[in-house]
PDB file of N, CA and C in Angstrom:
ATOM      1  N   UNK A   1      -4.469  11.924 -16.461  1.00  0.00           N
ATOM      2  CA  UNK A   1      -3.486  11.140 -15.849  1.00  0.00           C
ATOM      3  C   UNK A   1      -2.098  11.315 -16.585  1.00  0.00           C
ATOM      4  N   UNK A   2      -1.102  11.548 -15.779  1.00  0.00           N
ATOM      5  CA  UNK A   2       0.263  11.825 -16.284  1.00  0.00           C
ATOM      6  C   UNK A   2       0.909  10.487 -16.736  1.00  0.00           C
ATOM      7  N   UNK A   3       1.904  10.598 -17.431  1.00  0.00           N
ATOM      8  CA  UNK A   3       2.711   9.377 -17.932  1.00  0.00           C
ATOM      9  C   UNK A   3       3.267   8.610 -16.666  1.00  0.00           C
ATOM     10  N   UNK A   4       3.815   9.366 -15.786  1.00  0.00           N
ATOM     11  CA  UNK A   4       4.332   8.765 -14.521  1.00  0.00           C
ATOM     12  C   UNK A   4       3.250   7.939 -13.824  1.00  0.00           C
ATOM     13  N   UNK A   5       2.085   8.470 -13.568  1.00  0.00           N
ATOM     14  CA  UNK A   5       0.970   7.777 -12.957  1.00  0.00           C
ATOM     15  C   UNK A   5       0.639   6.552 -13.732  1.00  0.00           C
ATOM     16  N   UNK A   6       0.573   6.639 -14.976  1.00  0.00           N
ATOM     17  CA  UNK A   6       0.152   5.444 -15.802  1.00  0.00           C
ATOM     18  C   UNK A   6       1.159   4.384 -15.717  1.00  0.00           C
ATOM     19  N   UNK A   7       2.471   4.739 -15.853  1.00  0.00           N
ATOM     20  CA  UNK A   7       3.482   3.659 -15.770  1.00  0.00           C
ATOM     21  C   UNK A   7       3.502   3.061 -14.338  1.00  0.00           C
ATOM     22  N   UNK A   8       3.274   3.796 -13.284  1.00  0.00           N
ATOM     23  CA  UNK A   8       3.233   3.251 -11.974  1.00  0.00           C
ATOM     24  C   UNK A   8       2.085   2.375 -11.791  1.00  0.00           C
ATOM     25  N   UNK A   9       0.926   2.691 -12.399  1.00  0.00           N
ATOM     26  CA  UNK A   9      -0.291   1.787 -12.252  1.00  0.00           C
ATOM     27  C   UNK A   9       0.033   0.550 -13.037  1.00  0.00           C
ATOM     28  N   UNK A  10       0.638   0.596 -14.135  1.00  0.00           N
ATOM     29  CA  UNK A  10       0.996  -0.526 -14.883  1.00  0.00           C
ATOM     30  C   UNK A  10       2.001  -1.510 -14.075  1.00  0.00           C
ATOM     31  N   UNK A  11       2.955  -0.832 -13.472  1.00  0.00           N
ATOM     32  CA  UNK A  11       3.883  -1.622 -12.695  1.00  0.00           C
ATOM     33  C   UNK A  11       3.150  -2.303 -11.484  1.00  0.00           C
ATOM     34  N   UNK A  12       2.185  -1.545 -10.900  1.00  0.00           N
ATOM     35  CA  UNK A  12       1.458  -2.136  -9.738  1.00  0.00           C
ATOM     36  C   UNK A  12       0.677  -3.340 -10.248  1.00  0.00           C
ATOM     37  N   UNK A  13       0.129  -3.276 -11.427  1.00  0.00           N
ATOM     38  CA  UNK A  13      -0.699  -4.430 -11.998  1.00  0.00           C
ATOM     39  C   UNK A  13       0.176  -5.642 -12.209  1.00  0.00           C
ATOM     40  N   UNK A  14       1.472  -5.436 -12.559  1.00  0.00           N
ATOM     41  CA  UNK A  14       2.429  -6.486 -12.689  1.00  0.00           C
ATOM     42  C   UNK A  14       2.647  -7.254 -11.467  1.00  0.00           C
ATOM     43  N   UNK A  15       2.536  -6.604 -10.310  1.00  0.00           N
ATOM     44  CA  UNK A  15       2.719  -7.331  -9.050  1.00  0.00           C
ATOM     45  C   UNK A  15       1.774  -8.436  -8.827  1.00  0.00           C
ATOM     46  N   UNK A  16       0.584  -8.278  -9.402  1.00  0.00           N
ATOM     47  CA  UNK A  16      -0.458  -9.263  -9.162  1.00  0.00           C
ATOM     48  C   UNK A  16      -0.399 -10.531 -10.167  1.00  0.00           C
ATOM     49  N   UNK A  17       0.626 -10.514 -11.051  1.00  0.00           N
ATOM     50  CA  UNK A  17       0.713 -11.669 -12.060  1.00  0.00           C
ATOM     51  C   UNK A  17       1.083 -12.923 -11.311  1.00  0.00           C
ATOM     52  N   UNK A  18       0.441 -13.977 -11.553  1.00  0.00           N
ATOM     53  CA  UNK A  18       0.777 -15.268 -10.964  1.00  0.00           C
ATOM     54  C   UNK A  18       2.113 -15.826 -11.338  1.00  0.00           C
ATOM     55  N   UNK A  19       2.843 -16.467 -10.431  1.00  0.00           N
ATOM     56  CA  UNK A  19       4.121 -17.066 -10.642  1.00  0.00           C
ATOM     57  C   UNK A  19       5.195 -16.053 -10.722  1.00  0.00           C
ATOM     58  N   UNK A  20       5.047 -14.809 -10.258  1.00  0.00           N
ATOM     59  CA  UNK A  20       6.138 -13.827 -10.262  1.00  0.00           C
ATOM     60  C   UNK A  20       7.108 -14.205  -9.147  1.00  0.00           C
ATOM     61  N   UNK A  21       8.421 -14.061  -9.446  1.00  0.00           N
ATOM     62  CA  UNK A  21       9.480 -14.281  -8.479  1.00  0.00           C
ATOM     63  C   UNK A  21       9.666 -13.143  -7.539  1.00  0.00           C
ATOM     64  N   UNK A  22       9.851 -13.426  -6.299  1.00  0.00           N
ATOM     65  CA  UNK A  22       9.918 -12.343  -5.294  1.00  0.00           C
ATOM     66  C   UNK A  22      11.296 -12.468  -4.565  1.00  0.00           C
ATOM     67  N   UNK A  23      11.836 -11.361  -4.149  1.00  0.00           N
ATOM     68  CA  UNK A  23      12.951 -11.258  -3.313  1.00  0.00           C
ATOM     69  C   UNK A  23      12.461 -11.443  -1.832  1.00  0.00           C
ATOM     70  N   UNK A  24      13.037 -12.147  -0.956  1.00  0.00           N
ATOM     71  CA  UNK A  24      12.591 -12.344   0.408  1.00  0.00           C
ATOM     72  C   UNK A  24      12.206 -11.059   1.163  1.00  0.00           C
ATOM     73  N   UNK A  25      13.092 -10.011   0.943  1.00  0.00           N
ATOM     74  CA  UNK A  25      12.827  -8.755   1.580  1.00  0.00           C
ATOM     75  C   UNK A  25      11.657  -8.072   1.056  1.00  0.00           C
ATOM     76  N   UNK A  26      11.291  -8.343  -0.219  1.00  0.00           N
ATOM     77  CA  UNK A  26      10.057  -7.690  -0.675  1.00  0.00           C
ATOM     78  C   UNK A  26       8.850  -8.286  -0.033  1.00  0.00           C
ATOM     79  N   UNK A  27       8.742  -9.533   0.253  1.00  0.00           N
ATOM     80  CA  UNK A  27       7.624 -10.144   0.884  1.00  0.00           C
ATOM     81  C   UNK A  27       7.586  -9.790   2.413  1.00  0.00           C
ATOM     82  N   UNK A  28       8.700  -9.541   2.958  1.00  0.00           N
ATOM     83  CA  UNK A  28       8.793  -9.137   4.419  1.00  0.00           C
ATOM     84  C   UNK A  28       8.506  -7.702   4.694  1.00  0.00           C
ATOM     85  N   UNK A  29       8.512  -6.880   3.638  1.00  0.00           N
ATOM     86  CA  UNK A  29       8.247  -5.418   3.716  1.00  0.00           C
ATOM     87  C   UNK A  29       9.604  -4.650   3.911  1.00  0.00           C
ATOM     88  N   UNK A  30      10.755  -5.236   3.674  1.00  0.00           N
ATOM     89  CA  UNK A  30      11.982  -4.575   3.855  1.00  0.00           C
ATOM     90  C   UNK A  30      12.457  -3.893   2.664  1.00  0.00           C
ATOM     91  N   UNK A  31      12.040  -4.412   1.381  1.00  0.00           N
ATOM     92  CA  UNK A  31      12.474  -3.847   0.168  1.00  0.00           C
ATOM     93  C   UNK A  31      11.151  -3.468  -0.669  1.00  0.00           C
ATOM     94  N   UNK A  32      11.380  -2.491  -1.532  1.00  0.00           N
ATOM     95  CA  UNK A  32      10.318  -2.032  -2.416  1.00  0.00           C
ATOM     96  C   UNK A  32       9.881  -3.158  -3.305  1.00  0.00           C
ATOM     97  N   UNK A  33       8.485  -3.337  -3.434  1.00  0.00           N
ATOM     98  CA  UNK A  33       8.028  -4.432  -4.356  1.00  0.00           C
ATOM     99  C   UNK A  33       8.262  -4.146  -5.817  1.00  0.00           C
ATOM    100  N   UNK A  34       8.435  -2.847  -6.149  1.00  0.00           N
ATOM    101  CA  UNK A  34       8.681  -2.541  -7.583  1.00  0.00           C
ATOM    102  C   UNK A  34      10.167  -2.507  -7.979  1.00  0.00           C
ATOM    103  N   UNK A  35      10.997  -1.860  -7.135  1.00  0.00           N
ATOM    104  CA  UNK A  35      12.426  -1.656  -7.586  1.00  0.00           C
ATOM    105  C   UNK A  35      13.326  -2.528  -6.712  1.00  0.00           C
ATOM    106  N   UNK A  36      12.830  -3.182  -5.636  1.00  0.00           N
ATOM    107  CA  UNK A  36      13.651  -3.964  -4.735  1.00  0.00           C
ATOM    108  C   UNK A  36      14.677  -3.162  -3.940  1.00  0.00           C
ATOM    109  N   UNK A  37      14.566  -1.863  -3.888  1.00  0.00           N
ATOM    110  CA  UNK A  37      15.504  -1.024  -3.033  1.00  0.00           C
ATOM    111  C   UNK A  37      15.076  -1.124  -1.596  1.00  0.00           C
ATOM    112  N   UNK A  38      16.013  -0.877  -0.719  1.00  0.00           N
ATOM    113  CA  UNK A  38      15.777  -0.900   0.735  1.00  0.00           C
ATOM    114  C   UNK A  38      14.763   0.226   1.031  1.00  0.00           C
ATOM    115  N   UNK A  39      13.714  -0.094   1.859  1.00  0.00           N
ATOM    116  CA  UNK A  39      12.708   0.903   2.205  1.00  0.00           C
ATOM    117  C   UNK A  39      13.079   1.688   3.421  1.00  0.00           C
ATOM    118  N   UNK A  40      13.033   2.993   3.323  1.00  0.00           N
ATOM    119  CA  UNK A  40      13.127   3.890   4.435  1.00  0.00           C
ATOM    120  C   UNK A  40      11.862   4.683   4.740  1.00  0.00           C
ATOM    121  N   UNK A  41      11.228   5.049   3.724  1.00  0.00           N
ATOM    122  CA  UNK A  41       9.885   5.582   3.645  1.00  0.00           C
ATOM    123  C   UNK A  41       9.030   4.764   2.774  1.00  0.00           C
ATOM    124  N   UNK A  42       7.951   4.247   3.190  1.00  0.00           N
ATOM    125  CA  UNK A  42       7.117   3.338   2.341  1.00  0.00           C
ATOM    126  C   UNK A  42       5.609   3.708   2.457  1.00  0.00           C
ATOM    127  N   UNK A  43       4.974   2.948   1.510  1.00  0.00           N
ATOM    128  CA  UNK A  43       3.471   3.098   1.453  1.00  0.00           C
ATOM    129  C   UNK A  43       2.941   1.739   1.102  1.00  0.00           C
ATOM    130  N   UNK A  44       1.906   1.233   1.645  1.00  0.00           N
ATOM    131  CA  UNK A  44       1.336  -0.054   1.282  1.00  0.00           C
ATOM    132  C   UNK A  44       0.696   0.064  -0.078  1.00  0.00           C
ATOM    133  N   UNK A  45       0.697  -1.051  -0.845  1.00  0.00           N
ATOM    134  CA  UNK A  45       0.209  -1.000  -2.195  1.00  0.00           C
ATOM    135  C   UNK A  45      -0.780  -2.106  -2.445  1.00  0.00           C
ATOM    136  N   UNK A  46      -0.500  -3.393  -2.169  1.00  0.00           N
ATOM    137  CA  UNK A  46      -1.555  -4.427  -2.403  1.00  0.00           C
ATOM    138  C   UNK A  46      -1.125  -5.637  -1.660  1.00  0.00           C
ATOM    139  N   UNK A  47      -1.858  -6.695  -1.760  1.00  0.00           N
ATOM    140  CA  UNK A  47      -1.513  -8.013  -1.127  1.00  0.00           C
ATOM    141  C   UNK A  47      -1.370  -9.016  -2.304  1.00  0.00           C
ATOM    142  N   UNK A  48      -0.527  -9.920  -2.052  1.00  0.00           N
ATOM    143  CA  UNK A  48      -0.238 -11.046  -3.088  1.00  0.00           C
ATOM    144  C   UNK A  48      -0.299 -12.381  -2.408  1.00  0.00           C
ATOM    145  N   UNK A  49      -0.764 -13.309  -3.034  1.00  0.00           N
ATOM    146  CA  UNK A  49      -0.768 -14.703  -2.559  1.00  0.00           C
ATOM    147  C   UNK A  49       0.443 -15.517  -3.211  1.00  0.00           C
ATOM    148  N   UNK A  50       1.133 -16.143  -2.408  1.00  0.00           N
ATOM    149  CA  UNK A  50       2.375 -16.970  -2.860  1.00  0.00           C
ATOM    150  C   UNK A  50       2.093 -18.408  -2.551  1.00  0.00           C
ATOM    151  N   UNK A  51       2.195 -19.320  -3.499  1.00  0.00           N
ATOM    152  CA  UNK A  51       1.975 -20.744  -3.239  1.00  0.00           C
ATOM    153  C   UNK A  51       3.287 -21.342  -2.847  1.00  0.00           C
ATOM    154  N   UNK A  52       3.315 -22.156  -1.868  1.00  0.00           N
ATOM    155  CA  UNK A  52       4.410 -22.991  -1.403  1.00  0.00           C
ATOM    156  C   UNK A  52       3.939 -24.430  -1.387  1.00  0.00           C
ATOM    157  N   UNK A  53       3.731 -25.027  -2.574  1.00  0.00           N
ATOM    158  CA  UNK A  53       3.194 -26.384  -2.470  1.00  0.00           C
ATOM    159  C   UNK A  53       1.710 -26.413  -2.164  1.00  0.00           C
ATOM    160  N   UNK A  54       1.435 -27.038  -0.948  1.00  0.00           N
ATOM    161  CA  UNK A  54       0.111 -27.091  -0.520  1.00  0.00           C
ATOM    162  C   UNK A  54      -0.306 -25.908   0.382  1.00  0.00           C
ATOM    163  N   UNK A  55       0.644 -25.016   0.595  1.00  0.00           N
ATOM    164  CA  UNK A  55       0.365 -23.815   1.493  1.00  0.00           C
ATOM    165  C   UNK A  55       0.324 -22.572   0.683  1.00  0.00           C
ATOM    166  N   UNK A  56      -0.605 -21.747   0.925  1.00  0.00           N
ATOM    167  CA  UNK A  56      -0.668 -20.390   0.293  1.00  0.00           C
ATOM    168  C   UNK A  56      -0.503 -19.348   1.366  1.00  0.00           C
ATOM    169  N   UNK A  57       0.401 -18.456   1.213  1.00  0.00           N
ATOM    170  CA  UNK A  57       0.685 -17.334   2.072  1.00  0.00           C
ATOM    171  C   UNK A  57       0.241 -16.033   1.462  1.00  0.00           C
ATOM    172  N   UNK A  58      -0.413 -15.114   2.266  1.00  0.00           N
ATOM    173  CA  UNK A  58      -0.714 -13.819   1.776  1.00  0.00           C
ATOM    174  C   UNK A  58       0.170 -12.833   2.406  1.00  0.00           C
ATOM    175  N   UNK A  59       0.746 -11.888   1.568  1.00  0.00           N
ATOM    176  CA  UNK A  59       1.703 -10.882   2.004  1.00  0.00           C
ATOM    177  C   UNK A  59       1.206  -9.518   1.574  1.00  0.00           C
ATOM    178  N   UNK A  60       1.412  -8.537   2.460  1.00  0.00           N
ATOM    179  CA  UNK A  60       1.196  -7.158   2.138  1.00  0.00           C
ATOM    180  C   UNK A  60       2.458  -6.602   1.532  1.00  0.00           C
ATOM    181  N   UNK A  61       2.341  -5.953   0.362  1.00  0.00           N
ATOM    182  CA  UNK A  61       3.586  -5.421  -0.287  1.00  0.00           C
ATOM    183  C   UNK A  61       3.602  -3.881  -0.142  1.00  0.00           C
ATOM    184  N   UNK A  62       4.858  -3.403  -0.101  1.00  0.00           N
ATOM    185  CA  UNK A  62       5.134  -1.964   0.138  1.00  0.00           C
ATOM    186  C   UNK A  62       6.038  -1.446  -0.950  1.00  0.00           C
ATOM    187  N   UNK A  63       5.849  -0.235  -1.242  1.00  0.00           N
ATOM    188  CA  UNK A  63       6.626   0.458  -2.280  1.00  0.00           C
ATOM    189  C   UNK A  63       7.272   1.678  -1.753  1.00  0.00           C
ATOM    190  N   UNK A  64       8.211   2.298  -2.501  1.00  0.00           N
ATOM    191  CA  UNK A  64       8.871   3.586  -2.086  1.00  0.00           C
ATOM    192  C   UNK A  64       7.878   4.730  -1.999  1.00  0.00           C
ATOM    193  N   UNK A  65       8.120   5.591  -1.068  1.00  0.00           N
ATOM    194  CA  UNK A  65       7.189   6.763  -0.851  1.00  0.00           C
ATOM    195  C   UNK A  65       8.105   7.966  -1.064  1.00  0.00           C
ATOM    196  N   UNK A  66       7.785   8.938  -1.873  1.00  0.00           N
ATOM    197  CA  UNK A  66       6.606   9.044  -2.730  1.00  0.00           C
ATOM    198  C   UNK A  66       6.589   8.208  -3.901  1.00  0.00           C
ATOM    199  N   UNK A  67       7.736   7.960  -4.579  1.00  0.00           N
ATOM    200  CA  UNK A  67       7.742   7.116  -5.716  1.00  0.00           C
ATOM    201  C   UNK A  67       9.227   6.574  -5.824  1.00  0.00           C
ATOM    202  N   UNK A  68       9.362   5.481  -6.612  1.00  0.00           N
ATOM    203  CA  UNK A  68      10.664   4.822  -6.666  1.00  0.00           C
ATOM    204  C   UNK A  68      11.690   5.779  -7.355  1.00  0.00           C
ATOM    205  N   UNK A  69      11.302   6.398  -8.432  1.00  0.00           N
ATOM    206  CA  UNK A  69      12.249   7.365  -9.092  1.00  0.00           C
ATOM    207  C   UNK A  69      12.558   8.512  -8.208  1.00  0.00           C
ATOM    208  N   UNK A  70      11.620   9.096  -7.490  1.00  0.00           N
ATOM    209  CA  UNK A  70      11.961  10.305  -6.636  1.00  0.00           C
ATOM    210  C   UNK A  70      12.740   9.883  -5.410  1.00  0.00           C
ATOM    211  N   UNK A  71      12.542   8.612  -4.980  1.00  0.00           N
ATOM    212  CA  UNK A  71      13.307   8.135  -3.803  1.00  0.00           C
ATOM    213  C   UNK A  71      14.865   7.956  -4.191  1.00  0.00           C
ATOM    214  N   UNK A  72      15.030   7.517  -5.384  1.00  0.00           N
ATOM    215  CA  UNK A  72      16.408   7.233  -5.791  1.00  0.00           C
ATOM    216  C   UNK A  72      17.080   8.563  -6.246  1.00  0.00           C
ATOM    217  N   UNK A  73      16.342   9.567  -6.584  1.00  0.00           N
ATOM    218  CA  UNK A  73      16.945  10.813  -7.024  1.00  0.00           C
ATOM    219  C   UNK A  73      17.312  11.681  -5.840  1.00  0.00           C
ATOM    220  N   UNK A  74      16.969  11.308  -4.632  1.00  0.00           N
ATOM    221  CA  UNK A  74      17.357  12.094  -3.422  1.00  0.00           C
ATOM    222  C   UNK A  74      18.856  12.079  -3.319  1.00  0.00           C
ATOM    223  N   UNK A  75      19.430  13.172  -2.918  1.00  0.00           N
ATOM    224  CA  UNK A  75      20.941  13.265  -2.738  1.00  0.00           C
ATOM    225  C   UNK A  75      21.421  12.381  -1.716  1.00  0.00           C
ATOM    226  N   UNK A  76      22.569  11.741  -1.964  1.00  0.00           N
ATOM    227  CA  UNK A  76      23.289  10.827  -1.020  1.00  0.00           C
ATOM    228  C   UNK A  76      24.118  11.687  -0.081  1.00  0.00           C
ATOM    229  N   UNK A  77      24.219  11.430   1.187  1.00  0.00           N
ATOM    230  CA  UNK A  77      25.200  12.075   1.963  1.00  0.00           C
ATOM    231  C   UNK A  77      26.648  11.931   1.538  1.00  0.00           C
ATOM    232  N   UNK A  78      27.387  13.019   1.577  1.00  0.00           N
ATOM    233  CA  UNK A  78      28.772  13.077   1.240  1.00  0.00           C
ATOM    234  C   UNK A  78      29.631  12.216   2.150  1.00  0.00           C
ATOM    235  N   UNK A  79      30.743  11.643   1.613  1.00  0.00           N
ATOM    236  CA  UNK A  79      31.702  10.917   2.407  1.00  0.00           C
ATOM    237  C   UNK A  79      32.424  11.876   3.315  1.00  0.00           C
ATOM    238  N   UNK A  80      32.854  11.468   4.491  1.00  0.00           N
ATOM    239  CA  UNK A  80      33.494  12.314   5.432  1.00  0.00           C
ATOM    240  C   UNK A  80      34.748  12.983   4.879  1.00  0.00           C
ATOM    241  N   UNK A  81      35.456  12.323   4.058  1.00  0.00           N
ATOM    242  CA  UNK A  81      36.797  12.788   3.486  1.00  0.00           C
ATOM    243  C   UNK A  81      36.677  13.183   2.010  1.00  0.00           C
ATOM    244  N   UNK A  82      35.614  13.842   1.672  1.00  0.00           N
ATOM    245  CA  UNK A  82      35.324  14.210   0.297  1.00  0.00           C
ATOM    246  C   UNK A  82      34.796  12.951  -0.479  1.00  0.00           C
ATOM    247  N   UNK A  83      35.480  12.515  -1.473  1.00  0.00           N
ATOM    248  CA  UNK A  83      34.959  11.428  -2.294  1.00  0.00           C
ATOM    249  C   UNK A  83      35.689  10.102  -1.963  1.00  0.00           C
ATOM    250  N   UNK A  84      36.605  10.015  -1.025  1.00  0.00           N
ATOM    251  CA  UNK A  84      37.296   8.771  -0.700  1.00  0.00           C
ATOM    252  C   UNK A  84      36.458   8.022   0.350  1.00  0.00           C
ATOM    253  N   UNK A  85      36.282   6.727   0.139  1.00  0.00           N
ATOM    254  CA  UNK A  85      35.560   6.018   1.184  1.00  0.00           C
ATOM    255  C   UNK A  85      36.314   5.830   2.514  1.00  0.00           C
ATOM    256  N   UNK A  86      35.569   5.646   3.479  1.00  0.00           N
ATOM    257  CA  UNK A  86      36.191   5.377   4.859  1.00  0.00           C
ATOM    258  C   UNK A  86      36.686   3.921   4.898  1.00  0.00           C
ATOM    259  N   UNK A  87      37.888   3.709   5.301  1.00  0.00           N
ATOM    260  CA  UNK A  87      38.543   2.341   5.478  1.00  0.00           C
ATOM    261  C   UNK A  87      38.747   2.206   6.938  1.00  0.00           C
ATOM    262  N   UNK A  88      38.051   1.124   7.513  1.00  0.00           N
ATOM    263  CA  UNK A  88      38.295   0.972   8.950  1.00  0.00           C
ATOM    264  C   UNK A  88      39.644   0.381   9.269  1.00  0.00           C
ATOM    265  N   UNK A  89      40.085   0.831  10.355  1.00  0.00           N
ATOM    266  CA  UNK A  89      41.517   0.316  10.753  1.00  0.00           C
ATOM    267  C   UNK A  89      41.435  -1.158  11.322  1.00  0.00           C
ATOM    268  N   UNK A  90      42.379  -1.923  10.988  1.00  0.00           N
ATOM    269  CA  UNK A  90      42.346  -3.305  11.409  1.00  0.00           C
ATOM    270  C   UNK A  90      42.352  -3.459  12.941  1.00  0.00           C
ATOM    271  N   UNK A  91      41.726  -4.360  13.511  1.00  0.00           N
ATOM    272  CA  UNK A  91      41.735  -4.564  14.939  1.00  0.00           C
ATOM    273  C   UNK A  91      42.996  -5.366  15.334  1.00  0.00           C
ATOM    274  N   UNK A  92      43.568  -5.045  16.446  1.00  0.00           N
ATOM    275  CA  UNK A  92      44.708  -5.829  16.944  1.00  0.00           C
ATOM    276  C   UNK A  92      44.208  -6.758  18.034  1.00  0.00           C
ATOM    277  N   UNK A  93      44.857  -7.918  17.970  1.00  0.00           N
ATOM    278  CA  UNK A  93      44.605  -8.966  19.031  1.00  0.00           C
ATOM    279  C   UNK A  93      45.364  -8.690  20.257  1.00  0.00           C
ATOM    280  N   UNK A  94      44.702  -8.757  21.431  1.00  0.00           N
ATOM    281  CA  UNK A  94      45.348  -8.615  22.649  1.00  0.00           C
ATOM    282  C   UNK A  94      45.491  -9.887  23.386  1.00  0.00           C
ATOM    283  N   UNK A  95      46.486  -9.984  24.282  1.00  0.00           N
ATOM    284  CA  UNK A  95      46.678 -11.173  25.027  1.00  0.00           C
ATOM    285  C   UNK A  95      47.637 -12.169  24.350  1.00  0.00           C
ATOM    286  N   UNK A  96      47.776 -13.315  24.886  1.00  0.00           N
ATOM    287  CA  UNK A  96      48.777 -14.289  24.388  1.00  0.00           C
ATOM    288  C   UNK A  96      48.159 -15.343  23.768  1.00  0.00           C
TER     289      UNK A  96
END
């Protein structure tokens, strides 16, 4: 087992700890359960139960595919004008 696999397994085990705080998007499958980044490619990992007073909800969690570090290391697309960000033109009101 490599060090990356071991650390990922340890991080997966942390997901099951009771009383853990969650970001809404993580429970809805929009964000990675490990790093909270927006998911574009994902893989299911486990289910967790969250208590809301008298109600307990079960959620399926998803993580980055292939792995969080590899997903963030992917090159970002270049800006259209080199390194300067695009600034939208202001809209003009029409009519009286």
